Amino acid sequence: MQITLEIPDELFAKLEAQNLTQILELGLNEALARPQIGFTGFVEVLDFLANLPSPEEVLNLRPSPHLQAEIDRLSEKYQTQDLTDTEQQLWQQYEYLEHVIRIAKAKAYLKLNAKQEPQFDCCN
């Protein structure tokens, strides 16, 4: 299918070196995931973390059902056959996102444990 778009020159300059089909597919996947509960991608996770959530909120962070289904689909395909270039890039992004979330959760866990450790008064 062919589509004709009119875009500003400065945006076109940024798009020239990129694969427009890949950009549209990734953007569409992200847009379709937005109405779900839970995180759907980098934007949501960064927004969530920028709000300085409590350690409990970080530990309760979960992917949206839509994102989890997409990750499961890619994981299964990754194990049984080759991913397309777009799917491979998306898989790598999900892996990195999971890495960032694990670090945040580990730090939240340590922070919670530090609060729960008994404090001893040496001078009484």
PDB file of N, CA and C in Angstrom:
ATOM      1  N   MET A   1       0.851  -1.171   0.000  1.00  0.00           N
ATOM      2  CA  MET A   1       0.000   0.000   0.000  1.00  0.00           C
ATOM      3  C   MET A   1       0.898   1.234   0.000  1.00  0.00           C
ATOM      4  N   GLN A   2       0.493   2.221  -0.709  1.00  0.00           N
ATOM      5  CA  GLN A   2       1.249   3.455  -0.780  1.00  0.00           C
ATOM      6  C   GLN A   2       0.475   4.564  -0.081  1.00  0.00           C
ATOM      7  N   ILE A   3       1.201   5.344   0.737  1.00  0.00           N
ATOM      8  CA  ILE A   3       0.614   6.461   1.472  1.00  0.00           C
ATOM      9  C   ILE A   3       1.454   7.696   1.178  1.00  0.00           C
ATOM     10  N   THR A   4       0.798   8.815   0.965  1.00  0.00           N
ATOM     11  CA  THR A   4       1.496  10.078   0.758  1.00  0.00           C
ATOM     12  C   THR A   4       1.320  10.929   2.002  1.00  0.00           C
ATOM     13  N   LEU A   5       2.451  11.404   2.544  1.00  0.00           N
ATOM     14  CA  LEU A   5       2.440  12.234   3.747  1.00  0.00           C
ATOM     15  C   LEU A   5       3.120  13.558   3.478  1.00  0.00           C
ATOM     16  N   GLU A   6       2.610  14.602   4.103  1.00  0.00           N
ATOM     17  CA  GLU A   6       3.295  15.881   4.098  1.00  0.00           C
ATOM     18  C   GLU A   6       3.816  16.108   5.499  1.00  0.00           C
ATOM     19  N   ILE A   7       5.149  16.257   5.605  1.00  0.00           N
ATOM     20  CA  ILE A   7       5.754  16.471   6.913  1.00  0.00           C
ATOM     21  C   ILE A   7       6.714  17.647   6.838  1.00  0.00           C
ATOM     22  N   PRO A   8       6.957  18.302   7.965  1.00  0.00           N
ATOM     23  CA  PRO A   8       7.893  19.440   7.973  1.00  0.00           C
ATOM     24  C   PRO A   8       9.294  19.005   7.546  1.00  0.00           C
ATOM     25  N   ASP A   9      10.033  19.929   6.947  1.00  0.00           N
ATOM     26  CA  ASP A   9      11.381  19.642   6.456  1.00  0.00           C
ATOM     27  C   ASP A   9      12.310  19.115   7.554  1.00  0.00           C
ATOM     28  N   GLU A  10      12.228  19.718   8.755  1.00  0.00           N
ATOM     29  CA  GLU A  10      13.125  19.284   9.832  1.00  0.00           C
ATOM     30  C   GLU A  10      12.832  17.845  10.283  1.00  0.00           C
ATOM     31  N   LEU A  11      11.563  17.446  10.238  1.00  0.00           N
ATOM     32  CA  LEU A  11      11.214  16.068  10.579  1.00  0.00           C
ATOM     33  C   LEU A  11      11.688  15.130   9.471  1.00  0.00           C
ATOM     34  N   PHE A  12      11.544  15.537   8.228  1.00  0.00           N
ATOM     35  CA  PHE A  12      12.009  14.728   7.107  1.00  0.00           C
ATOM     36  C   PHE A  12      13.514  14.492   7.197  1.00  0.00           C
ATOM     37  N   ALA A  13      14.256  15.519   7.590  1.00  0.00           N
ATOM     38  CA  ALA A  13      15.707  15.369   7.721  1.00  0.00           C
ATOM     39  C   ALA A  13      16.054  14.300   8.759  1.00  0.00           C
ATOM     40  N   LYS A  14      15.291  14.229   9.819  1.00  0.00           N
ATOM     41  CA  LYS A  14      15.524  13.207  10.847  1.00  0.00           C
ATOM     42  C   LYS A  14      15.137  11.818  10.345  1.00  0.00           C
ATOM     43  N   LEU A  15      14.108  11.741   9.506  1.00  0.00           N
ATOM     44  CA  LEU A  15      13.604  10.454   9.021  1.00  0.00           C
ATOM     45  C   LEU A  15      14.431   9.860   7.890  1.00  0.00           C
ATOM     46  N   GLU A  16      15.166  10.698   7.180  1.00  0.00           N
ATOM     47  CA  GLU A  16      15.899  10.215   6.005  1.00  0.00           C
ATOM     48  C   GLU A  16      16.798   9.028   6.314  1.00  0.00           C
ATOM     49  N   ALA A  17      17.467   9.042   7.447  1.00  0.00           N
ATOM     50  CA  ALA A  17      18.407   7.980   7.781  1.00  0.00           C
ATOM     51  C   ALA A  17      17.737   6.815   8.507  1.00  0.00           C
ATOM     52  N   GLN A  18      16.448   6.873   8.704  1.00  0.00           N
ATOM     53  CA  GLN A  18      15.745   5.842   9.467  1.00  0.00           C
ATOM     54  C   GLN A  18      14.870   4.984   8.557  1.00  0.00           C
ATOM     55  N   ASN A  19      14.465   3.850   9.063  1.00  0.00           N
ATOM     56  CA  ASN A  19      13.558   2.964   8.351  1.00  0.00           C
ATOM     57  C   ASN A  19      12.142   3.338   8.785  1.00  0.00           C
ATOM     58  N   LEU A  20      11.414   4.039   7.944  1.00  0.00           N
ATOM     59  CA  LEU A  20      10.083   4.547   8.277  1.00  0.00           C
ATOM     60  C   LEU A  20       9.107   3.416   8.612  1.00  0.00           C
ATOM     61  N   THR A  21       9.204   2.292   7.926  1.00  0.00           N
ATOM     62  CA  THR A  21       8.318   1.164   8.214  1.00  0.00           C
ATOM     63  C   THR A  21       8.531   0.672   9.639  1.00  0.00           C
ATOM     64  N   GLN A  22       9.791   0.572  10.051  1.00  0.00           N
ATOM     65  CA  GLN A  22      10.108   0.139  11.406  1.00  0.00           C
ATOM     66  C   GLN A  22       9.576   1.140  12.432  1.00  0.00           C
ATOM     67  N   ILE A  23       9.755   2.410  12.173  1.00  0.00           N
ATOM     68  CA  ILE A  23       9.290   3.452  13.082  1.00  0.00           C
ATOM     69  C   ILE A  23       7.773   3.377  13.240  1.00  0.00           C
ATOM     70  N   LEU A  24       7.067   3.225  12.127  1.00  0.00           N
ATOM     71  CA  LEU A  24       5.610   3.131  12.189  1.00  0.00           C
ATOM     72  C   LEU A  24       5.155   1.884  12.950  1.00  0.00           C
ATOM     73  N   GLU A  25       5.828   0.754  12.717  1.00  0.00           N
ATOM     74  CA  GLU A  25       5.444  -0.479  13.403  1.00  0.00           C
ATOM     75  C   GLU A  25       5.678  -0.365  14.905  1.00  0.00           C
ATOM     76  N   LEU A  26       6.834   0.145  15.304  1.00  0.00           N
ATOM     77  CA  LEU A  26       7.120   0.303  16.728  1.00  0.00           C
ATOM     78  C   LEU A  26       6.171   1.309  17.378  1.00  0.00           C
ATOM     79  N   GLY A  27       5.912   2.408  16.683  1.00  0.00           N
ATOM     80  CA  GLY A  27       4.993   3.408  17.207  1.00  0.00           C
ATOM     81  C   GLY A  27       3.586   2.871  17.340  1.00  0.00           C
ATOM     82  N   LEU A  28       3.155   2.093  16.376  1.00  0.00           N
ATOM     83  CA  LEU A  28       1.824   1.496  16.434  1.00  0.00           C
ATOM     84  C   LEU A  28       1.724   0.501  17.589  1.00  0.00           C
ATOM     85  N   ASN A  29       2.757  -0.329  17.757  1.00  0.00           N
ATOM     86  CA  ASN A  29       2.765  -1.265  18.885  1.00  0.00           C
ATOM     87  C   ASN A  29       2.662  -0.516  20.207  1.00  0.00           C
ATOM     88  N   GLU A  30       3.386   0.562  20.340  1.00  0.00           N
ATOM     89  CA  GLU A  30       3.358   1.365  21.563  1.00  0.00           C
ATOM     90  C   GLU A  30       1.981   2.005  21.750  1.00  0.00           C
ATOM     91  N   ALA A  31       1.413   2.549  20.686  1.00  0.00           N
ATOM     92  CA  ALA A  31       0.104   3.198  20.779  1.00  0.00           C
ATOM     93  C   ALA A  31      -0.993   2.203  21.150  1.00  0.00           C
ATOM     94  N   LEU A  32      -0.930   1.012  20.597  1.00  0.00           N
ATOM     95  CA  LEU A  32      -1.936  -0.002  20.901  1.00  0.00           C
ATOM     96  C   LEU A  32      -1.829  -0.496  22.347  1.00  0.00           C
ATOM     97  N   ALA A  33      -0.645  -0.402  22.914  1.00  0.00           N
ATOM     98  CA  ALA A  33      -0.440  -0.887  24.273  1.00  0.00           C
ATOM     99  C   ALA A  33      -0.884   0.124  25.332  1.00  0.00           C
ATOM    100  N   ARG A  34      -1.017   1.381  25.007  1.00  0.00           N
ATOM    101  CA  ARG A  34      -1.285   2.430  25.995  1.00  0.00           C
ATOM    102  C   ARG A  34      -2.528   2.245  26.863  1.00  0.00           C
ATOM    103  N   PRO A  35      -3.658   1.771  26.366  1.00  0.00           N
ATOM    104  CA  PRO A  35      -4.835   1.712  27.220  1.00  0.00           C
ATOM    105  C   PRO A  35      -4.787   0.640  28.307  1.00  0.00           C
ATOM    106  N   GLN A  36      -3.776  -0.201  28.278  1.00  0.00           N
ATOM    107  CA  GLN A  36      -3.707  -1.312  29.215  1.00  0.00           C
ATOM    108  C   GLN A  36      -3.233  -0.858  30.593  1.00  0.00           C
ATOM    109  N   ILE A  37      -3.469  -1.714  31.591  1.00  0.00           N
ATOM    110  CA  ILE A  37      -2.983  -1.484  32.947  1.00  0.00           C
ATOM    111  C   ILE A  37      -1.572  -2.032  33.028  1.00  0.00           C
ATOM    112  N   GLY A  38      -0.677  -1.303  33.691  1.00  0.00           N
ATOM    113  CA  GLY A  38       0.708  -1.729  33.832  1.00  0.00           C
ATOM    114  C   GLY A  38       1.578  -1.008  32.835  1.00  0.00           C
ATOM    115  N   PHE A  39       2.865  -1.304  32.848  1.00  0.00           N
ATOM    116  CA  PHE A  39       3.745  -0.593  31.931  1.00  0.00           C
ATOM    117  C   PHE A  39       3.683  -1.211  30.549  1.00  0.00           C
ATOM    118  N   THR A  40       3.861  -0.372  29.539  1.00  0.00           N
ATOM    119  CA  THR A  40       3.785  -0.853  28.169  1.00  0.00           C
ATOM    120  C   THR A  40       5.066  -0.616  27.401  1.00  0.00           C
ATOM    121  N   GLY A  41       5.992   0.114  27.958  1.00  0.00           N
ATOM    122  CA  GLY A  41       7.235   0.377  27.262  1.00  0.00           C
ATOM    123  C   GLY A  41       8.054   1.411  27.997  1.00  0.00           C
ATOM    124  N   PHE A  42       9.101   1.861  27.343  1.00  0.00           N
ATOM    125  CA  PHE A  42      10.049   2.784  27.961  1.00  0.00           C
ATOM    126  C   PHE A  42       9.403   4.057  28.476  1.00  0.00           C
ATOM    127  N   VAL A  43       8.526   4.644  27.696  1.00  0.00           N
ATOM    128  CA  VAL A  43       7.925   5.917  28.086  1.00  0.00           C
ATOM    129  C   VAL A  43       7.188   5.782  29.408  1.00  0.00           C
ATOM    130  N   GLU A  44       6.397   4.746  29.525  1.00  0.00           N
ATOM    131  CA  GLU A  44       5.619   4.542  30.748  1.00  0.00           C
ATOM    132  C   GLU A  44       6.517   4.266  31.947  1.00  0.00           C
ATOM    133  N   VAL A  45       7.554   3.451  31.754  1.00  0.00           N
ATOM    134  CA  VAL A  45       8.457   3.130  32.857  1.00  0.00           C
ATOM    135  C   VAL A  45       9.221   4.371  33.289  1.00  0.00           C
ATOM    136  N   LEU A  46       9.718   5.132  32.341  1.00  0.00           N
ATOM    137  CA  LEU A  46      10.444   6.356  32.692  1.00  0.00           C
ATOM    138  C   LEU A  46       9.540   7.361  33.388  1.00  0.00           C
ATOM    139  N   ASP A  47       8.317   7.486  32.913  1.00  0.00           N
ATOM    140  CA  ASP A  47       7.353   8.378  33.551  1.00  0.00           C
ATOM    141  C   ASP A  47       7.056   7.904  34.968  1.00  0.00           C
ATOM    142  N   PHE A  48       6.863   6.612  35.137  1.00  0.00           N
ATOM    143  CA  PHE A  48       6.605   6.021  36.447  1.00  0.00           C
ATOM    144  C   PHE A  48       7.765   6.316  37.401  1.00  0.00           C
ATOM    145  N   LEU A  49       9.001   6.055  36.951  1.00  0.00           N
ATOM    146  CA  LEU A  49      10.168   6.269  37.803  1.00  0.00           C
ATOM    147  C   LEU A  49      10.432   7.749  38.060  1.00  0.00           C
ATOM    148  N   ALA A  50      10.089   8.606  37.112  1.00  0.00           N
ATOM    149  CA  ALA A  50      10.273  10.049  37.290  1.00  0.00           C
ATOM    150  C   ALA A  50       9.376  10.601  38.395  1.00  0.00           C
ATOM    151  N   ASN A  51       8.296   9.908  38.686  1.00  0.00           N
ATOM    152  CA  ASN A  51       7.397  10.326  39.765  1.00  0.00           C
ATOM    153  C   ASN A  51       7.880   9.883  41.145  1.00  0.00           C
ATOM    154  N   LEU A  52       9.088   9.321  41.214  1.00  0.00           N
ATOM    155  CA  LEU A  52       9.709   8.874  42.463  1.00  0.00           C
ATOM    156  C   LEU A  52       8.766   7.992  43.285  1.00  0.00           C
ATOM    157  N   PRO A  53       8.409   6.837  42.735  1.00  0.00           N
ATOM    158  CA  PRO A  53       7.486   5.943  43.442  1.00  0.00           C
ATOM    159  C   PRO A  53       8.120   5.381  44.708  1.00  0.00           C
ATOM    160  N   SER A  54       7.283   4.912  45.607  1.00  0.00           N
ATOM    161  CA  SER A  54       7.774   4.273  46.829  1.00  0.00           C
ATOM    162  C   SER A  54       8.400   2.927  46.453  1.00  0.00           C
ATOM    163  N   PRO A  55       9.239   2.375  47.335  1.00  0.00           N
ATOM    164  CA  PRO A  55       9.802   1.047  47.045  1.00  0.00           C
ATOM    165  C   PRO A  55       8.716  -0.007  46.816  1.00  0.00           C
ATOM    166  N   GLU A  56       7.630   0.091  47.569  1.00  0.00           N
ATOM    167  CA  GLU A  56       6.531  -0.865  47.391  1.00  0.00           C
ATOM    168  C   GLU A  56       5.921  -0.753  45.997  1.00  0.00           C
ATOM    169  N   GLU A  57       5.757   0.472  45.509  1.00  0.00           N
ATOM    170  CA  GLU A  57       5.196   0.675  44.168  1.00  0.00           C
ATOM    171  C   GLU A  57       6.129   0.113  43.101  1.00  0.00           C
ATOM    172  N   VAL A  58       7.431   0.291  43.291  1.00  0.00           N
ATOM    173  CA  VAL A  58       8.401  -0.256  42.330  1.00  0.00           C
ATOM    174  C   VAL A  58       8.327  -1.777  42.311  1.00  0.00           C
ATOM    175  N   LEU A  59       8.262  -2.376  43.501  1.00  0.00           N
ATOM    176  CA  LEU A  59       8.192  -3.840  43.574  1.00  0.00           C
ATOM    177  C   LEU A  59       6.909  -4.396  42.967  1.00  0.00           C
ATOM    178  N   ASN A  60       5.845  -3.605  42.958  1.00  0.00           N
ATOM    179  CA  ASN A  60       4.566  -4.042  42.391  1.00  0.00           C
ATOM    180  C   ASN A  60       4.433  -3.758  40.900  1.00  0.00           C
ATOM    181  N   LEU A  61       5.426  -3.130  40.291  1.00  0.00           N
ATOM    182  CA  LEU A  61       5.380  -2.792  38.867  1.00  0.00           C
ATOM    183  C   LEU A  61       5.345  -4.062  38.029  1.00  0.00           C
ATOM    184  N   ARG A  62       4.384  -4.132  37.125  1.00  0.00           N
ATOM    185  CA  ARG A  62       4.200  -5.285  36.246  1.00  0.00           C
ATOM    186  C   ARG A  62       3.897  -4.800  34.833  1.00  0.00           C
ATOM    187  N   PRO A  63       4.214  -5.627  33.825  1.00  0.00           N
ATOM    188  CA  PRO A  63       3.851  -5.250  32.454  1.00  0.00           C
ATOM    189  C   PRO A  63       2.339  -5.336  32.258  1.00  0.00           C
ATOM    190  N   SER A  64       1.840  -4.558  31.313  1.00  0.00           N
ATOM    191  CA  SER A  64       0.425  -4.648  30.975  1.00  0.00           C
ATOM    192  C   SER A  64       0.157  -6.029  30.372  1.00  0.00           C
ATOM    193  N   PRO A  65      -1.092  -6.488  30.410  1.00  0.00           N
ATOM    194  CA  PRO A  65      -1.410  -7.784  29.777  1.00  0.00           C
ATOM    195  C   PRO A  65      -1.035  -7.805  28.284  1.00  0.00           C
ATOM    196  N   HIS A  66      -1.262  -6.685  27.599  1.00  0.00           N
ATOM    197  CA  HIS A  66      -0.919  -6.613  26.169  1.00  0.00           C
ATOM    198  C   HIS A  66       0.584  -6.777  25.972  1.00  0.00           C
ATOM    199  N   LEU A  67       1.380  -6.066  26.771  1.00  0.00           N
ATOM    200  CA  LEU A  67       2.833  -6.162  26.636  1.00  0.00           C
ATOM    201  C   LEU A  67       3.304  -7.563  26.997  1.00  0.00           C
ATOM    202  N   GLN A  68       2.766  -8.140  28.055  1.00  0.00           N
ATOM    203  CA  GLN A  68       3.173  -9.486  28.448  1.00  0.00           C
ATOM    204  C   GLN A  68       2.870 -10.483  27.345  1.00  0.00           C
ATOM    205  N   ALA A  69       1.731 -10.341  26.702  1.00  0.00           N
ATOM    206  CA  ALA A  69       1.385 -11.226  25.583  1.00  0.00           C
ATOM    207  C   ALA A  69       2.362 -11.053  24.427  1.00  0.00           C
ATOM    208  N   GLU A  70       2.749  -9.813  24.145  1.00  0.00           N
ATOM    209  CA  GLU A  70       3.713  -9.539  23.068  1.00  0.00           C
ATOM    210  C   GLU A  70       5.079 -10.119  23.409  1.00  0.00           C
ATOM    211  N   ILE A  71       5.513  -9.972  24.653  1.00  0.00           N
ATOM    212  CA  ILE A  71       6.796 -10.536  25.085  1.00  0.00           C
ATOM    213  C   ILE A  71       6.753 -12.056  24.988  1.00  0.00           C
ATOM    214  N   ASP A  72       5.665 -12.658  25.444  1.00  0.00           N
ATOM    215  CA  ASP A  72       5.518 -14.118  25.367  1.00  0.00           C
ATOM    216  C   ASP A  72       5.558 -14.595  23.918  1.00  0.00           C
ATOM    217  N   ARG A  73       4.875 -13.864  23.031  1.00  0.00           N
ATOM    218  CA  ARG A  73       4.851 -14.235  21.606  1.00  0.00           C
ATOM    219  C   ARG A  73       6.257 -14.168  21.009  1.00  0.00           C
ATOM    220  N   LEU A  74       6.963 -13.072  21.293  1.00  0.00           N
ATOM    221  CA  LEU A  74       8.316 -12.925  20.762  1.00  0.00           C
ATOM    222  C   LEU A  74       9.262 -13.962  21.362  1.00  0.00           C
ATOM    223  N   SER A  75       9.106 -14.248  22.647  1.00  0.00           N
ATOM    224  CA  SER A  75       9.962 -15.235  23.306  1.00  0.00           C
ATOM    225  C   SER A  75       9.787 -16.609  22.679  1.00  0.00           C
ATOM    226  N   GLU A  76       8.540 -16.978  22.453  1.00  0.00           N
ATOM    227  CA  GLU A  76       8.261 -18.274  21.834  1.00  0.00           C
ATOM    228  C   GLU A  76       8.831 -18.333  20.412  1.00  0.00           C
ATOM    229  N   LYS A  77       8.623 -17.266  19.658  1.00  0.00           N
ATOM    230  CA  LYS A  77       9.137 -17.231  18.288  1.00  0.00           C
ATOM    231  C   LYS A  77      10.669 -17.232  18.296  1.00  0.00           C
ATOM    232  N   TYR A  78      11.264 -16.511  19.248  1.00  0.00           N
ATOM    233  CA  TYR A  78      12.719 -16.422  19.370  1.00  0.00           C
ATOM    234  C   TYR A  78      13.332 -17.804  19.593  1.00  0.00           C
ATOM    235  N   GLN A  79      12.635 -18.654  20.335  1.00  0.00           N
ATOM    236  CA  GLN A  79      13.133 -19.989  20.651  1.00  0.00           C
ATOM    237  C   GLN A  79      12.924 -20.984  19.511  1.00  0.00           C
ATOM    238  N   THR A  80      11.961 -20.724  18.639  1.00  0.00           N
ATOM    239  CA  THR A  80      11.628 -21.710  17.612  1.00  0.00           C
ATOM    240  C   THR A  80      12.000 -21.298  16.194  1.00  0.00           C
ATOM    241  N   GLN A  81      12.172 -20.006  15.966  1.00  0.00           N
ATOM    242  CA  GLN A  81      12.493 -19.563  14.612  1.00  0.00           C
ATOM    243  C   GLN A  81      13.159 -18.188  14.659  1.00  0.00           C
ATOM    244  N   ASP A  82      13.539 -17.703  13.497  1.00  0.00           N
ATOM    245  CA  ASP A  82      14.197 -16.403  13.423  1.00  0.00           C
ATOM    246  C   ASP A  82      13.187 -15.273  13.555  1.00  0.00           C
ATOM    247  N   LEU A  83      13.612 -14.236  14.260  1.00  0.00           N
ATOM    248  CA  LEU A  83      12.798 -13.022  14.347  1.00  0.00           C
ATOM    249  C   LEU A  83      13.111 -12.128  13.156  1.00  0.00           C
ATOM    250  N   THR A  84      12.137 -11.333  12.733  1.00  0.00           N
ATOM    251  CA  THR A  84      12.399 -10.331  11.708  1.00  0.00           C
ATOM    252  C   THR A  84      13.320  -9.278  12.324  1.00  0.00           C
ATOM    253  N   ASP A  85      13.878  -8.415  11.525  1.00  0.00           N
ATOM    254  CA  ASP A  85      14.738  -7.340  12.046  1.00  0.00           C
ATOM    255  C   ASP A  85      13.978  -6.467  13.043  1.00  0.00           C
ATOM    256  N   THR A  86      12.731  -6.151  12.714  1.00  0.00           N
ATOM    257  CA  THR A  86      11.904  -5.327  13.604  1.00  0.00           C
ATOM    258  C   THR A  86      11.646  -6.052  14.910  1.00  0.00           C
ATOM    259  N   GLU A  87      11.306  -7.326  14.834  1.00  0.00           N
ATOM    260  CA  GLU A  87      11.053  -8.114  16.043  1.00  0.00           C
ATOM    261  C   GLU A  87      12.318  -8.249  16.886  1.00  0.00           C
ATOM    262  N   GLN A  88      13.457  -8.424  16.225  1.00  0.00           N
ATOM    263  CA  GLN A  88      14.734  -8.529  16.941  1.00  0.00           C
ATOM    264  C   GLN A  88      15.028  -7.238  17.692  1.00  0.00           C
ATOM    265  N   GLN A  89      14.804  -6.110  17.050  1.00  0.00           N
ATOM    266  CA  GLN A  89      15.029  -4.815  17.697  1.00  0.00           C
ATOM    267  C   GLN A  89      14.068  -4.640  18.875  1.00  0.00           C
ATOM    268  N   LEU A  90      12.830  -5.007  18.698  1.00  0.00           N
ATOM    269  CA  LEU A  90      11.833  -4.923  19.764  1.00  0.00           C
ATOM    270  C   LEU A  90      12.212  -5.853  20.918  1.00  0.00           C
ATOM    271  N   TRP A  91      12.656  -7.054  20.610  1.00  0.00           N
ATOM    272  CA  TRP A  91      13.082  -8.013  21.634  1.00  0.00           C
ATOM    273  C   TRP A  91      14.237  -7.434  22.458  1.00  0.00           C
ATOM    274  N   GLN A  92      15.206  -6.842  21.773  1.00  0.00           N
ATOM    275  CA  GLN A  92      16.340  -6.246  22.481  1.00  0.00           C
ATOM    276  C   GLN A  92      15.891  -5.086  23.368  1.00  0.00           C
ATOM    277  N   GLN A  93      14.925  -4.307  22.919  1.00  0.00           N
ATOM    278  CA  GLN A  93      14.403  -3.216  23.736  1.00  0.00           C
ATOM    279  C   GLN A  93      13.692  -3.768  24.977  1.00  0.00           C
ATOM    280  N   TYR A  94      12.924  -4.829  24.809  1.00  0.00           N
ATOM    281  CA  TYR A  94      12.239  -5.441  25.952  1.00  0.00           C
ATOM    282  C   TYR A  94      13.246  -6.013  26.943  1.00  0.00           C
ATOM    283  N   GLU A  95      14.316  -6.621  26.426  1.00  0.00           N
ATOM    284  CA  GLU A  95      15.345  -7.149  27.319  1.00  0.00           C
ATOM    285  C   GLU A  95      15.987  -6.027  28.131  1.00  0.00           C
ATOM    286  N   TYR A  96      16.295  -4.924  27.482  1.00  0.00           N
ATOM    287  CA  TYR A  96      16.907  -3.797  28.194  1.00  0.00           C
ATOM    288  C   TYR A  96      15.931  -3.202  29.202  1.00  0.00           C
ATOM    289  N   LEU A  97      14.669  -3.081  28.821  1.00  0.00           N
ATOM    290  CA  LEU A  97      13.649  -2.559  29.730  1.00  0.00           C
ATOM    291  C   LEU A  97      13.536  -3.459  30.956  1.00  0.00           C
ATOM    292  N   GLU A  98      13.546  -4.762  30.748  1.00  0.00           N
ATOM    293  CA  GLU A  98      13.484  -5.697  31.871  1.00  0.00           C
ATOM    294  C   GLU A  98      14.700  -5.522  32.781  1.00  0.00           C
ATOM    295  N   HIS A  99      15.866  -5.315  32.192  1.00  0.00           N
ATOM    296  CA  HIS A  99      17.095  -5.091  32.954  1.00  0.00           C
ATOM    297  C   HIS A  99      16.965  -3.851  33.842  1.00  0.00           C
ATOM    298  N   VAL A 100      16.472  -2.766  33.275  1.00  0.00           N
ATOM    299  CA  VAL A 100      16.292  -1.522  34.035  1.00  0.00           C
ATOM    300  C   VAL A 100      15.305  -1.738  35.183  1.00  0.00           C
ATOM    301  N   ILE A 101      14.233  -2.432  34.916  1.00  0.00           N
ATOM    302  CA  ILE A 101      13.218  -2.676  35.945  1.00  0.00           C
ATOM    303  C   ILE A 101      13.775  -3.580  37.045  1.00  0.00           C
ATOM    304  N   ARG A 102      14.564  -4.567  36.690  1.00  0.00           N
ATOM    305  CA  ARG A 102      15.166  -5.435  37.715  1.00  0.00           C
ATOM    306  C   ARG A 102      16.100  -4.644  38.624  1.00  0.00           C
ATOM    307  N   ILE A 103      16.858  -3.739  38.061  1.00  0.00           N
ATOM    308  CA  ILE A 103      17.744  -2.897  38.875  1.00  0.00           C
ATOM    309  C   ILE A 103      16.910  -2.040  39.821  1.00  0.00           C
ATOM    310  N   ALA A 104      15.857  -1.427  39.304  1.00  0.00           N
ATOM    311  CA  ALA A 104      14.989  -0.594  40.145  1.00  0.00           C
ATOM    312  C   ALA A 104      14.366  -1.424  41.263  1.00  0.00           C
ATOM    313  N   LYS A 105      13.930  -2.627  40.941  1.00  0.00           N
ATOM    314  CA  LYS A 105      13.310  -3.481  41.957  1.00  0.00           C
ATOM    315  C   LYS A 105      14.334  -3.938  42.998  1.00  0.00           C
ATOM    316  N   ALA A 106      15.542  -4.240  42.573  1.00  0.00           N
ATOM    317  CA  ALA A 106      16.588  -4.639  43.526  1.00  0.00           C
ATOM    318  C   ALA A 106      16.894  -3.499  44.494  1.00  0.00           C
ATOM    319  N   LYS A 107      16.990  -2.294  43.972  1.00  0.00           N
ATOM    320  CA  LYS A 107      17.247  -1.135  44.831  1.00  0.00           C
ATOM    321  C   LYS A 107      16.073  -0.875  45.770  1.00  0.00           C
ATOM    322  N   ALA A 108      14.863  -1.050  45.278  1.00  0.00           N
ATOM    323  CA  ALA A 108      13.674  -0.873  46.124  1.00  0.00           C
ATOM    324  C   ALA A 108      13.663  -1.909  47.239  1.00  0.00           C
ATOM    325  N   TYR A 109      14.011  -3.133  46.902  1.00  0.00           N
ATOM    326  CA  TYR A 109      14.055  -4.204  47.898  1.00  0.00           C
ATOM    327  C   TYR A 109      15.085  -3.887  48.983  1.00  0.00           C
ATOM    328  N   LEU A 110      16.268  -3.439  48.572  1.00  0.00           N
ATOM    329  CA  LEU A 110      17.306  -3.077  49.544  1.00  0.00           C
ATOM    330  C   LEU A 110      16.852  -1.919  50.428  1.00  0.00           C
ATOM    331  N   LYS A 111      16.184  -0.957  49.835  1.00  0.00           N
ATOM    332  CA  LYS A 111      15.693   0.184  50.604  1.00  0.00           C
ATOM    333  C   LYS A 111      14.652  -0.259  51.630  1.00  0.00           C
ATOM    334  N   LEU A 112      13.757  -1.144  51.245  1.00  0.00           N
ATOM    335  CA  LEU A 112      12.753  -1.659  52.184  1.00  0.00           C
ATOM    336  C   LEU A 112      13.407  -2.437  53.318  1.00  0.00           C
ATOM    337  N   ASN A 113      14.390  -3.257  52.999  1.00  0.00           N
ATOM    338  CA  ASN A 113      15.074  -4.039  54.026  1.00  0.00           C
ATOM    339  C   ASN A 113      15.861  -3.152  54.973  1.00  0.00           C
ATOM    340  N   ALA A 114      16.430  -2.073  54.475  1.00  0.00           N
ATOM    341  CA  ALA A 114      17.174  -1.152  55.335  1.00  0.00           C
ATOM    342  C   ALA A 114      16.238  -0.487  56.334  1.00  0.00           C
ATOM    343  N   LYS A 115      15.017  -0.201  55.925  1.00  0.00           N
ATOM    344  CA  LYS A 115      14.028   0.413  56.824  1.00  0.00           C
ATOM    345  C   LYS A 115      13.578  -0.566  57.897  1.00  0.00           C
ATOM    346  N   GLN A 116      13.569  -1.861  57.570  1.00  0.00           N
ATOM    347  CA  GLN A 116      13.024  -2.861  58.485  1.00  0.00           C
ATOM    348  C   GLN A 116      14.060  -3.409  59.457  1.00  0.00           C
ATOM    349  N   GLU A 117      15.341  -3.166  59.215  1.00  0.00           N
ATOM    350  CA  GLU A 117      16.368  -3.663  60.125  1.00  0.00           C
ATOM    351  C   GLU A 117      16.285  -2.918  61.450  1.00  0.00           C
ATOM    352  N   PRO A 118      16.379  -3.640  62.575  1.00  0.00           N
ATOM    353  CA  PRO A 118      16.296  -2.970  63.873  1.00  0.00           C
ATOM    354  C   PRO A 118      17.514  -2.080  64.108  1.00  0.00           C
ATOM    355  N   GLN A 119      17.268  -0.954  64.710  1.00  0.00           N
ATOM    356  CA  GLN A 119      18.330  -0.016  65.037  1.00  0.00           C
ATOM    357  C   GLN A 119      18.709  -0.205  66.498  1.00  0.00           C
ATOM    358  N   PHE A 120      19.978  -0.380  66.801  1.00  0.00           N
ATOM    359  CA  PHE A 120      20.436  -0.576  68.160  1.00  0.00           C
ATOM    360  C   PHE A 120      21.052   0.696  68.693  1.00  0.00           C
ATOM    361  N   ASP A 121      20.693   1.020  69.914  1.00  0.00           N
ATOM    362  CA  ASP A 121      21.256   2.186  70.575  1.00  0.00           C
ATOM    363  C   ASP A 121      22.405   1.695  71.448  1.00  0.00           C
ATOM    364  N   CYS A 122      23.610   2.048  71.109  1.00  0.00           N
ATOM    365  CA  CYS A 122      24.775   1.514  71.791  1.00  0.00           C
ATOM    366  C   CYS A 122      24.997   2.134  73.171  1.00  0.00           C
ATOM    367  N   CYS A 123      24.376   3.232  73.436  1.00  0.00           N
ATOM    368  CA  CYS A 123      24.706   3.956  74.667  1.00  0.00           C
ATOM    369  C   CYS A 123      23.687   3.772  75.784  1.00  0.00           C
ATOM    370  N   ASN A 124      22.639   3.040  75.627  1.00  0.00           N
ATOM    371  CA  ASN A 124      21.643   2.865  76.693  1.00  0.00           C
ATOM    372  C   ASN A 124      21.820   1.579  77.400  1.00  0.00           C
TER     373      ASN A 124
END
